[in-house]
Amino acid sequence: MDVPNPELAETIVNLCKRRGFVYPSSEIYGGFRSTYDYGPLGVLLLRNVKEAWWRAMVQLRDDVVGIDAAILSSPRVWEASGHLANFTDPLVDCRNCKERWRADHIEGGCPNCGSTDLTDARAFNMMFKTFVGPVEEDANVAYFRPETAQGMFVNFLNVLQTTRKKPPFGIAQMGKSFRNEITPGNFVFRTREFEQMEMEYFVPPDEAKQWFEYWCDARLSWYADLGIPEGMLRLRHHDPEELSHYSAGTADVEFAYPWGWGELEGIANRTDFDLKAHAEASGERLEYFDQATGERYVPHVIEPAAGATRAMMAFLLAAYAEDEVGGESRTVLRLHHQLAPYKVAVLPLSKKDTLTPAAREVLSLVQPHWMCDYDETQSIGKRYRRQDEIGTPFCVTVDFDTLDDRAVTIRERDTLEQVRVPVDALVDELSSRLTV
C-alpha cells in the first residue's frame, strides 16, 4: 500500500495557496471556517475533474441523462426523504473550553483541551435552514439541499416521460450541496459547502445486486484510469451497523490520505426507498410500466455519489512528486492530461520584441484547442519549473531560430523529452500527445 507522507497534506495546502489553486474564503477578514475559494488554477482543475466525470458517466453512455435541479426545494421533499428526522450527527460539548465536537470523531476527551468533562451526545441536524419570502415565519421555512440526489428522485417521472428511457437507466447531476458539519477539517476534505457528482441508476428490482457490483468496479476504475495509483485506492464495504436507513448495501471508494484511509466516493444500493417515500408523500405513482410484459414496478436505485472537491484533492495528492533535474530539485504535479489546469504553456525564450510576435502567433494557434498559459518572466529554466509545479504537460518554447526555421521546441513534463516541430504541425503534434 502506497500511503502518502504525513507531511504531504501541509505541503499540498501551501502549494495550493502559493500557486493559486485554493484560497481560504474571506481571507482579508480573517477567513470563514470551512469554506474555500478556488483560484485561477483551482477552478480549472475542479472543472476538469467534473468534466471527466460527466464524460464517463453521461457522454460516453446512452443509458444516462443529466439534469440540474434547484438548490432550494419544497420542505416536503426533505420530510419525505427522511432528512428532517434522520440527517443528524451526534454532538457533544466540552464543558471546560466550550468547543463542540462530533461524538464519533473523538475518543473520550476534547481534542482542543483534553478535558473528559463532555456533555451527553445529542442529535444535531446538519441541514442549513433559510426562509423563502419576505417574512420569516415557519410557513416559509426552506432548506439548502444537503445532497443532490433528491432532485433526481422527484424528477423521475419527468425524465422517464421526456426521454423515453427504460430501466436500467440513470439520471446524473453535478452541483453544490450544503451540510452544517460539526467539525469540518482536513482542508477541502470536509467542508460545509461543497460540490457533488451524483448519479441515480434505476434498475429492475431483481437486477439491483449485479448493478451494485458493476458500479463499484466502474467507479474504482475511474480514479485509477485518471492516474491515482492502485495502492492508494481500495473498496470498503460497509458493515450492517454502518448502513444508512435506506441502504441494502454500501461500499466506499477510499483513498490513502496523509491522515489515513478516507472516503472518496460512496456507492449505495438505495433499494426503492426514495421513490416509494416520495410517492406516498406526494400521492404520485413513481413507478415504471413495462409495456412489453405488462409489469408495473418501482425501480431500485444504485447511487454512485462522489465529491468533486474531494476528488480534486485526491488527484493533487496522488500527482505530487519531487525529483532532481540537472542537479536541482524539482516539484512536479504528474496530473493526468485530462485533469491538468493548463495543457500547454507557450514560453518565448526572451522578452525581446523580436520574439513576441512569433510567440503570440503560436499561442493563437493552440488556444482554440486547449487551456494555455503564456509566460515570459525569468529564465527559461525557472519557467519550466513553474509549469512542472502546476502540472502543465507540455511547454512550447519559441526561440530565435523560430524566426528562421518556423519551428518550436516541445518539452514533455514527465520524461523531459524535447522535440523540434514545425509551427504548422504543432497542433497535430500536441493532439497526438495529449490524452483525450
Protein backbone atom coordinates (compact mmCIF):
# COMPACT_ATOMS: atom_id res chain seq x y z
CA MET A 1 0.00 0.00 0.00
CA ASP A 2 1.44 3.33 -1.10
CA VAL A 3 0.36 5.65 1.75
CA PRO A 4 1.25 9.35 1.35
CA ASN A 5 3.80 11.01 3.59
CA PRO A 6 2.10 12.54 6.69
CA GLU A 7 3.68 15.92 5.88
CA LEU A 8 2.20 15.88 2.39
CA ALA A 9 -1.10 17.48 3.48
CA GLU A 10 0.64 20.67 4.64
CA THR A 11 2.80 20.68 1.52
CA ILE A 12 -0.25 20.50 -0.73
CA VAL A 13 -2.10 23.20 1.24
CA ASN A 14 0.90 25.53 0.84
CA LEU A 15 1.21 24.71 -2.85
CA CYS A 16 -2.49 25.38 -3.40
CA LYS A 17 -2.26 28.82 -1.81
CA ARG A 18 1.05 29.80 -3.41
CA ARG A 19 0.15 28.72 -6.94
CA GLY A 20 -3.49 29.78 -6.96
CA PHE A 21 -5.39 26.52 -6.64
CA VAL A 22 -7.30 27.19 -3.40
CA TYR A 23 -7.58 30.22 -1.12
CA PRO A 24 -9.19 30.48 2.33
CA SER A 25 -12.56 32.16 1.83
CA SER A 26 -12.87 35.78 3.05
CA GLU A 27 -9.17 35.72 3.93
CA ILE A 28 -8.81 39.51 4.22
CA TYR A 29 -11.39 39.34 7.04
CA GLY A 30 -9.64 36.52 8.83
CA GLY A 31 -11.32 33.73 6.88
CA PHE A 32 -14.62 31.92 7.27
CA ARG A 33 -14.24 28.48 8.77
CA SER A 34 -14.51 25.52 6.42
CA THR A 35 -15.14 27.43 3.18
CA TYR A 36 -12.64 27.92 0.38
CA ASP A 37 -12.37 29.87 -2.85
CA TYR A 38 -10.88 28.26 -5.95
CA GLY A 39 -8.28 30.39 -7.69
CA PRO A 40 -7.24 30.59 -11.35
CA LEU A 41 -5.69 27.10 -11.36
CA GLY A 42 -8.11 25.52 -8.91
CA VAL A 43 -11.18 26.47 -10.88
CA LEU A 44 -9.64 24.87 -13.97
CA LEU A 45 -8.64 21.68 -12.16
CA LEU A 46 -12.04 21.37 -10.48
CA ARG A 47 -13.79 21.96 -13.79
CA ASN A 48 -11.65 19.30 -15.46
CA VAL A 49 -12.49 16.79 -12.71
CA LYS A 50 -16.20 17.45 -13.21
CA GLU A 51 -15.93 17.28 -16.99
CA ALA A 52 -14.05 13.96 -16.75
CA TRP A 53 -16.83 12.60 -14.53
CA TRP A 54 -19.56 13.87 -16.87
CA ARG A 55 -17.78 12.39 -19.86
CA ALA A 56 -17.53 8.96 -18.24
CA MET A 57 -20.98 8.95 -16.65
CA VAL A 58 -23.11 10.68 -19.32
CA GLN A 59 -21.36 11.48 -22.60
CA LEU A 60 -19.94 8.00 -23.23
CA ARG A 61 -23.17 6.21 -22.24
CA ASP A 62 -26.60 6.00 -23.87
CA ASP A 63 -28.36 4.91 -20.67
CA VAL A 64 -27.69 8.03 -18.55
CA VAL A 65 -29.05 11.56 -18.92
CA GLY A 66 -28.36 14.69 -16.91
CA ILE A 67 -30.38 17.29 -15.04
CA ASP A 68 -29.65 20.36 -12.94
CA ALA A 69 -32.16 20.57 -10.09
CA ALA A 70 -32.72 23.58 -7.83
CA ILE A 71 -30.73 24.06 -4.64
CA LEU A 72 -33.88 25.18 -2.82
CA SER A 73 -36.96 22.94 -2.94
CA SER A 74 -40.15 22.27 -1.07
CA PRO A 75 -39.54 21.31 2.58
CA ARG A 76 -41.82 18.35 1.93
CA VAL A 77 -39.02 16.81 -0.15
CA TRP A 78 -36.77 16.61 2.91
CA GLU A 79 -39.57 15.41 5.14
CA ALA A 80 -40.41 12.56 2.76
CA SER A 81 -36.76 11.60 2.23
CA GLY A 82 -36.15 11.28 5.96
CA HIS A 83 -33.63 14.07 6.16
CA LEU A 84 -35.59 16.11 8.68
CA ALA A 85 -35.71 13.14 11.04
CA ASN A 86 -32.54 11.22 10.25
CA PHE A 87 -29.90 13.54 8.76
CA THR A 88 -28.12 14.02 12.06
CA ASP A 89 -24.72 13.65 13.69
CA PRO A 90 -24.05 13.09 17.41
CA LEU A 91 -22.98 16.40 19.00
CA VAL A 92 -21.14 16.81 22.32
CA ASP A 93 -19.97 19.96 24.11
CA CYS A 94 -16.79 20.32 26.16
CA ARG A 95 -17.83 21.92 29.44
CA ASN A 96 -14.27 23.15 30.01
CA CYS A 97 -13.41 25.05 26.80
CA LYS A 98 -16.92 25.19 25.30
CA GLU A 99 -15.84 23.66 21.98
CA ARG A 100 -18.29 21.38 20.17
CA TRP A 101 -17.37 18.06 18.60
CA ARG A 102 -18.85 15.20 16.67
CA ALA A 103 -19.01 12.40 19.25
CA ASP A 104 -17.98 9.61 16.86
CA HIS A 105 -14.87 11.56 15.79
CA ILE A 106 -13.26 11.86 19.23
CA GLU A 107 -12.08 9.26 21.73
CA GLY A 108 -13.22 10.19 25.22
CA GLY A 109 -11.56 13.60 25.52
CA CYS A 110 -11.82 17.06 23.98
CA PRO A 111 -9.29 17.38 21.10
CA ASN A 112 -8.85 21.06 21.99
CA CYS A 113 -8.11 20.98 25.74
CA GLY A 114 -8.04 17.29 26.66
CA SER A 115 -10.88 17.52 29.17
CA THR A 116 -13.12 14.49 29.60
CA ASP A 117 -15.94 16.63 31.01
CA LEU A 118 -18.23 16.31 27.99
CA THR A 119 -21.98 16.53 27.67
CA ASP A 120 -24.06 13.55 26.59
CA ALA A 121 -24.33 13.20 22.82
CA ARG A 122 -27.43 14.68 21.20
CA ALA A 123 -28.71 14.58 17.64
CA PHE A 124 -27.76 17.59 15.52
CA ASN A 125 -29.48 18.07 12.15
CA MET A 126 -26.92 19.17 9.57
CA MET A 127 -29.25 20.89 7.11
CA PHE A 128 -28.94 24.65 6.72
CA LYS A 129 -32.29 26.36 7.28
CA THR A 130 -33.39 29.50 5.47
CA PHE A 131 -36.60 31.41 4.78
CA VAL A 132 -38.33 31.90 1.45
CA GLY A 133 -40.25 35.14 1.03
CA PRO A 134 -40.24 38.48 2.82
CA VAL A 135 -41.45 37.25 6.23
CA GLU A 136 -39.51 34.91 8.49
CA GLU A 137 -42.22 32.57 9.63
CA ASP A 138 -42.48 28.81 9.89
CA ALA A 139 -44.69 28.57 6.82
CA ASN A 140 -41.80 29.85 4.69
CA VAL A 141 -39.02 27.65 6.06
CA ALA A 142 -36.80 26.02 3.41
CA TYR A 143 -33.52 24.15 3.45
CA PHE A 144 -30.35 24.23 1.36
CA ARG A 145 -30.01 20.79 -0.12
CA PRO A 146 -27.58 18.51 1.75
CA GLU A 147 -27.26 16.28 -1.33
CA THR A 148 -28.22 16.44 -5.00
CA ALA A 149 -29.92 13.02 -5.03
CA GLN A 150 -33.46 14.07 -4.09
CA GLY A 151 -33.73 16.39 -7.09
CA MET A 152 -33.27 13.34 -9.30
CA PHE A 153 -35.85 11.25 -7.45
CA VAL A 154 -38.57 13.90 -7.58
CA ASN A 155 -37.89 14.34 -11.32
CA PHE A 156 -38.02 10.60 -12.02
CA LEU A 157 -41.37 10.77 -13.85
CA ASN A 158 -40.41 13.91 -15.77
CA VAL A 159 -37.24 12.29 -17.09
CA LEU A 160 -38.99 8.99 -17.79
CA GLN A 161 -41.67 10.70 -19.86
CA THR A 162 -39.45 13.15 -21.75
CA THR A 163 -36.57 10.81 -22.63
CA ARG A 164 -38.46 7.53 -23.15
CA LYS A 165 -35.74 5.71 -21.21
CA LYS A 166 -36.49 2.43 -19.51
CA PRO A 167 -34.69 0.66 -16.65
CA PRO A 168 -31.83 0.23 -16.35
CA PHE A 169 -31.14 3.93 -16.88
CA GLY A 170 -29.58 6.74 -14.88
CA ILE A 171 -30.01 10.41 -14.05
CA ALA A 172 -26.80 12.31 -13.32
CA GLN A 173 -26.22 15.68 -11.71
CA MET A 174 -23.39 17.89 -10.51
CA GLY A 175 -23.84 20.80 -8.14
CA LYS A 176 -23.42 22.49 -4.78
CA SER A 177 -24.62 20.89 -1.55
CA PHE A 178 -24.51 22.24 1.98
CA ARG A 179 -24.03 20.47 5.31
CA ASN A 180 -23.61 22.16 8.66
CA GLU A 181 -20.72 19.93 9.69
CA ILE A 182 -19.94 19.96 13.41
CA THR A 183 -16.20 19.51 12.90
CA PRO A 184 -15.12 20.43 9.37
CA GLY A 185 -11.46 19.99 8.61
CA ASN A 186 -8.57 18.47 6.65
CA PHE A 187 -8.59 21.32 4.12
CA VAL A 188 -11.28 20.69 1.46
CA PHE A 189 -11.92 17.11 2.61
CA ARG A 190 -14.83 18.06 4.88
CA THR A 191 -16.42 21.47 4.35
CA ARG A 192 -19.86 22.96 4.83
CA GLU A 193 -20.22 23.97 1.18
CA PHE A 194 -19.06 21.50 -1.46
CA GLU A 195 -19.76 20.16 -4.93
CA GLN A 196 -21.14 16.70 -5.61
CA MET A 197 -21.17 14.45 -8.65
CA GLU A 198 -24.03 12.00 -8.21
CA MET A 199 -25.94 9.56 -10.37
CA GLU A 200 -29.13 7.63 -9.61
CA TYR A 201 -29.30 4.43 -11.66
CA PHE A 202 -32.83 2.98 -11.79
CA VAL A 203 -32.94 -0.80 -12.28
CA PRO A 204 -35.45 -3.68 -12.14
CA PRO A 205 -35.55 -4.91 -8.51
CA ASP A 206 -34.07 -8.34 -9.31
CA GLU A 207 -31.07 -6.72 -11.06
CA ALA A 208 -30.05 -4.42 -8.19
CA LYS A 209 -27.29 -6.65 -6.81
CA GLN A 210 -25.49 -7.10 -10.13
CA TRP A 211 -25.69 -3.38 -10.94
CA PHE A 212 -24.38 -2.51 -7.48
CA GLU A 213 -21.31 -4.68 -8.15
CA TYR A 214 -20.95 -3.19 -11.64
CA TRP A 215 -20.88 0.41 -10.38
CA CYS A 216 -18.49 -0.43 -7.55
CA ASP A 217 -15.98 -1.75 -10.09
CA ALA A 218 -16.62 1.05 -12.60
CA ARG A 219 -16.14 3.85 -10.11
CA LEU A 220 -12.98 2.38 -8.61
CA SER A 221 -11.54 2.07 -12.12
CA TRP A 222 -12.36 5.69 -12.97
CA TYR A 223 -9.93 7.03 -10.37
CA ALA A 224 -7.21 4.59 -11.40
CA ASP A 225 -7.65 5.42 -15.09
CA LEU A 226 -7.10 9.11 -14.26
CA GLY A 227 -3.77 8.50 -12.60
CA ILE A 228 -4.27 7.52 -8.94
CA PRO A 229 -2.01 4.51 -8.19
CA GLU A 230 -3.95 1.36 -7.31
CA GLY A 231 -2.11 1.15 -3.97
CA MET A 232 -3.73 4.43 -2.91
CA LEU A 233 -7.25 3.16 -3.62
CA ARG A 234 -9.43 0.50 -2.08
CA LEU A 235 -13.09 -0.52 -1.98
CA ARG A 236 -14.53 -0.97 1.51
CA HIS A 237 -17.98 -2.47 2.01
CA HIS A 238 -19.97 -1.13 4.97
CA ASP A 239 -20.78 -3.39 7.88
CA PRO A 240 -24.52 -3.85 8.55
CA GLU A 241 -24.47 -1.46 11.51
CA GLU A 242 -22.97 1.30 9.30
CA LEU A 243 -25.68 1.24 6.66
CA SER A 244 -27.97 4.23 6.19
CA HIS A 245 -31.69 3.71 6.80
CA TYR A 246 -32.33 3.41 3.05
CA SER A 247 -29.40 1.16 2.10
CA ALA A 248 -29.33 -2.56 1.36
CA GLY A 249 -25.60 -2.29 0.73
CA THR A 250 -22.99 0.45 0.53
CA ALA A 251 -19.34 0.49 -0.45
CA ASP A 252 -16.85 3.35 -0.29
CA VAL A 253 -14.06 4.02 -2.71
CA GLU A 254 -11.40 5.05 -0.21
CA PHE A 255 -8.17 6.97 -0.77
CA ALA A 256 -4.97 6.85 1.28
CA TYR A 257 -4.94 10.45 2.53
CA PRO A 258 -1.96 11.66 4.57
CA TRP A 259 -4.01 11.10 7.75
CA GLY A 260 -5.16 7.61 6.71
CA TRP A 261 -7.83 5.97 4.60
CA GLY A 262 -10.90 8.13 3.97
CA GLU A 263 -13.99 8.14 1.79
CA LEU A 264 -13.61 9.39 -1.76
CA GLU A 265 -16.93 8.17 -3.13
CA GLY A 266 -19.86 6.12 -1.90
CA ILE A 267 -21.82 3.59 -3.96
CA ALA A 268 -25.15 2.65 -2.38
CA ASN A 269 -27.98 0.28 -3.15
CA ARG A 270 -30.82 2.56 -2.05
CA THR A 271 -33.49 -0.06 -2.95
CA ASP A 272 -36.89 1.53 -3.71
CA PHE A 273 -36.87 3.61 -0.52
CA ASP A 274 -36.76 7.07 -2.10
CA LEU A 275 -39.30 6.58 -4.88
CA LYS A 276 -41.77 4.92 -2.51
CA ALA A 277 -41.28 7.62 0.13
CA HIS A 278 -41.93 10.42 -2.37
CA ALA A 279 -44.85 8.53 -3.92
CA GLU A 280 -46.51 8.18 -0.53
CA ALA A 281 -45.89 11.80 0.45
CA SER A 282 -46.91 13.34 -2.89
CA GLY A 283 -49.69 11.00 -3.98
CA GLU A 284 -47.96 10.43 -7.35
CA ARG A 285 -47.25 6.95 -8.70
CA LEU A 286 -43.47 6.89 -9.13
CA GLU A 287 -43.14 3.60 -10.96
CA TYR A 288 -42.29 2.11 -14.33
CA PHE A 289 -44.75 0.29 -16.58
CA ASP A 290 -43.19 -2.21 -18.97
CA GLN A 291 -45.50 -2.32 -21.98
CA ALA A 292 -43.82 -5.45 -23.36
CA THR A 293 -44.56 -7.56 -20.28
CA GLY A 294 -47.43 -5.66 -18.70
CA GLU A 295 -45.41 -5.45 -15.49
CA ARG A 296 -45.57 -2.40 -13.26
CA TYR A 297 -42.87 -1.89 -10.61
CA VAL A 298 -40.96 0.64 -8.54
CA PRO A 299 -37.32 0.54 -9.67
CA HIS A 300 -34.49 0.03 -7.22
CA VAL A 301 -31.69 2.59 -7.31
CA ILE A 302 -27.91 2.27 -7.33
CA GLU A 303 -26.22 5.54 -6.43
CA PRO A 304 -22.56 6.38 -7.09
CA ALA A 305 -22.05 9.66 -5.17
CA ALA A 306 -18.71 11.46 -5.36
CA GLY A 307 -17.42 14.77 -4.05
CA ALA A 308 -15.83 16.90 -6.76
CA THR A 309 -13.68 18.78 -4.26
CA ARG A 310 -12.54 15.57 -2.50
CA ALA A 311 -11.68 14.06 -5.86
CA MET A 312 -9.67 17.14 -6.81
CA MET A 313 -7.72 16.90 -3.56
CA ALA A 314 -7.02 13.20 -4.09
CA PHE A 315 -5.75 13.80 -7.62
CA LEU A 316 -3.43 16.54 -6.31
CA LEU A 317 -2.07 14.34 -3.53
CA ALA A 318 -1.51 11.41 -5.87
CA ALA A 319 0.16 13.58 -8.53
CA TYR A 320 2.62 15.37 -6.24
CA ALA A 321 6.25 14.34 -6.68
CA GLU A 322 9.75 15.66 -6.08
CA ASP A 323 12.76 14.69 -8.18
CA GLU A 324 16.05 16.10 -9.38
CA VAL A 325 16.80 17.61 -12.78
CA GLY A 326 20.29 18.75 -13.69
CA GLY A 327 21.39 18.64 -10.07
CA GLU A 328 18.46 20.79 -8.92
CA SER A 329 15.38 19.67 -7.03
CA ARG A 330 12.09 19.86 -8.89
CA THR A 331 8.48 19.78 -7.70
CA VAL A 332 6.13 18.29 -10.25
CA LEU A 333 2.43 17.50 -10.40
CA ARG A 334 2.10 14.43 -12.60
CA LEU A 335 -1.57 15.11 -13.30
CA HIS A 336 -3.34 13.15 -15.98
CA HIS A 337 -3.51 15.23 -19.16
CA GLN A 338 -7.31 15.29 -18.91
CA LEU A 339 -7.13 16.97 -15.48
CA ALA A 340 -4.21 19.39 -15.82
CA PRO A 341 -5.33 23.05 -15.49
CA TYR A 342 -3.20 24.14 -18.44
CA LYS A 343 -2.45 21.65 -21.18
CA VAL A 344 0.17 23.81 -22.90
CA ALA A 345 2.44 26.68 -21.88
CA VAL A 346 3.92 28.92 -24.56
CA LEU A 347 7.31 30.26 -23.49
CA PRO A 348 9.26 32.78 -25.58
CA LEU A 349 12.97 32.31 -24.89
CA SER A 350 13.36 36.04 -24.42
CA LYS A 351 11.15 39.05 -23.72
CA LYS A 352 12.74 40.88 -26.66
CA ASP A 353 10.25 42.40 -29.05
CA THR A 354 11.68 40.37 -31.91
CA LEU A 355 10.29 37.14 -30.39
CA THR A 356 6.95 38.40 -29.07
CA PRO A 357 5.05 38.37 -32.42
CA ALA A 358 6.13 34.78 -33.14
CA ALA A 359 5.28 33.64 -29.61
CA ARG A 360 1.88 35.30 -29.79
CA GLU A 361 1.24 33.62 -33.13
CA VAL A 362 1.98 30.21 -31.59
CA LEU A 363 -0.31 31.00 -28.67
CA SER A 364 -3.12 31.92 -31.05
CA LEU A 365 -2.72 28.55 -32.78
CA VAL A 366 -3.06 26.42 -29.64
CA GLN A 367 -5.53 28.48 -27.56
CA PRO A 368 -8.63 27.41 -29.54
CA HIS A 369 -7.85 23.78 -28.71
CA TRP A 370 -6.65 23.80 -25.06
CA MET A 371 -6.33 25.96 -21.97
CA CYS A 372 -2.91 27.60 -22.31
CA ASP A 373 -0.55 29.69 -20.24
CA TYR A 374 1.82 32.33 -21.60
CA ASP A 375 4.89 33.07 -19.51
CA GLU A 376 7.81 35.31 -20.42
CA THR A 377 9.15 36.21 -16.96
CA GLN A 378 12.53 34.97 -15.59
CA SER A 379 14.85 32.37 -17.10
CA ILE A 380 13.52 29.53 -19.23
CA GLY A 381 14.63 27.03 -16.58
CA LYS A 382 12.61 28.71 -13.85
CA ARG A 383 9.61 28.90 -16.14
CA TYR A 384 9.88 25.17 -16.85
CA ARG A 385 9.91 24.56 -13.08
CA ARG A 386 6.82 26.71 -12.59
CA GLN A 387 4.92 24.78 -15.23
CA ASP A 388 6.06 21.45 -13.75
CA GLU A 389 4.81 22.54 -10.33
CA ILE A 390 1.31 23.29 -11.63
CA GLY A 391 1.11 20.13 -13.73
CA THR A 392 1.31 21.51 -17.28
CA PRO A 393 2.02 18.51 -19.55
CA PHE A 394 3.75 20.37 -22.39
CA CYS A 395 5.79 23.54 -22.78
CA VAL A 396 6.30 25.05 -26.23
CA THR A 397 9.44 27.17 -26.44
CA VAL A 398 9.75 29.87 -29.10
CA ASP A 399 13.40 30.80 -29.69
CA PHE A 400 15.38 32.94 -32.11
CA ASP A 401 15.74 30.02 -34.54
CA THR A 402 11.96 30.04 -34.85
CA LEU A 403 12.22 33.28 -36.80
CA ASP A 404 14.25 31.44 -39.46
CA ASP A 405 13.05 27.83 -39.49
CA ARG A 406 9.39 28.31 -38.38
CA ALA A 407 9.85 25.56 -35.78
CA VAL A 408 9.40 25.37 -32.00
CA THR A 409 10.51 23.02 -29.22
CA ILE A 410 8.02 20.87 -27.30
CA ARG A 411 9.12 19.82 -23.81
CA GLU A 412 7.28 16.99 -22.04
CA ARG A 413 6.69 17.36 -18.28
CA ASP A 414 7.28 13.78 -17.12
CA THR A 415 10.02 12.49 -19.43
CA LEU A 416 11.68 15.89 -20.04
CA GLU A 417 11.90 14.86 -23.68
CA GLN A 418 12.32 17.77 -26.11
CA VAL A 419 11.44 17.61 -29.79
CA ARG A 420 11.59 20.22 -32.54
CA VAL A 421 8.45 20.52 -34.69
CA PRO A 422 7.31 22.93 -37.41
CA VAL A 423 4.85 25.56 -36.26
CA ASP A 424 2.39 24.41 -38.93
CA ALA A 425 2.43 20.87 -37.44
CA LEU A 426 2.29 21.96 -33.79
CA VAL A 427 -1.44 21.45 -33.20
CA ASP A 428 -1.40 17.98 -34.76
CA GLU A 429 1.68 17.00 -32.75
CA LEU A 430 0.20 18.16 -29.45
CA SER A 431 -3.12 16.49 -30.27
CA SER A 432 -1.36 13.16 -30.70
CA ARG A 433 0.43 13.57 -27.38
CA LEU A 434 -2.43 14.81 -25.23
CA THR A 435 -4.73 12.10 -23.93
CA VAL A 436 -8.34 12.59 -24.96
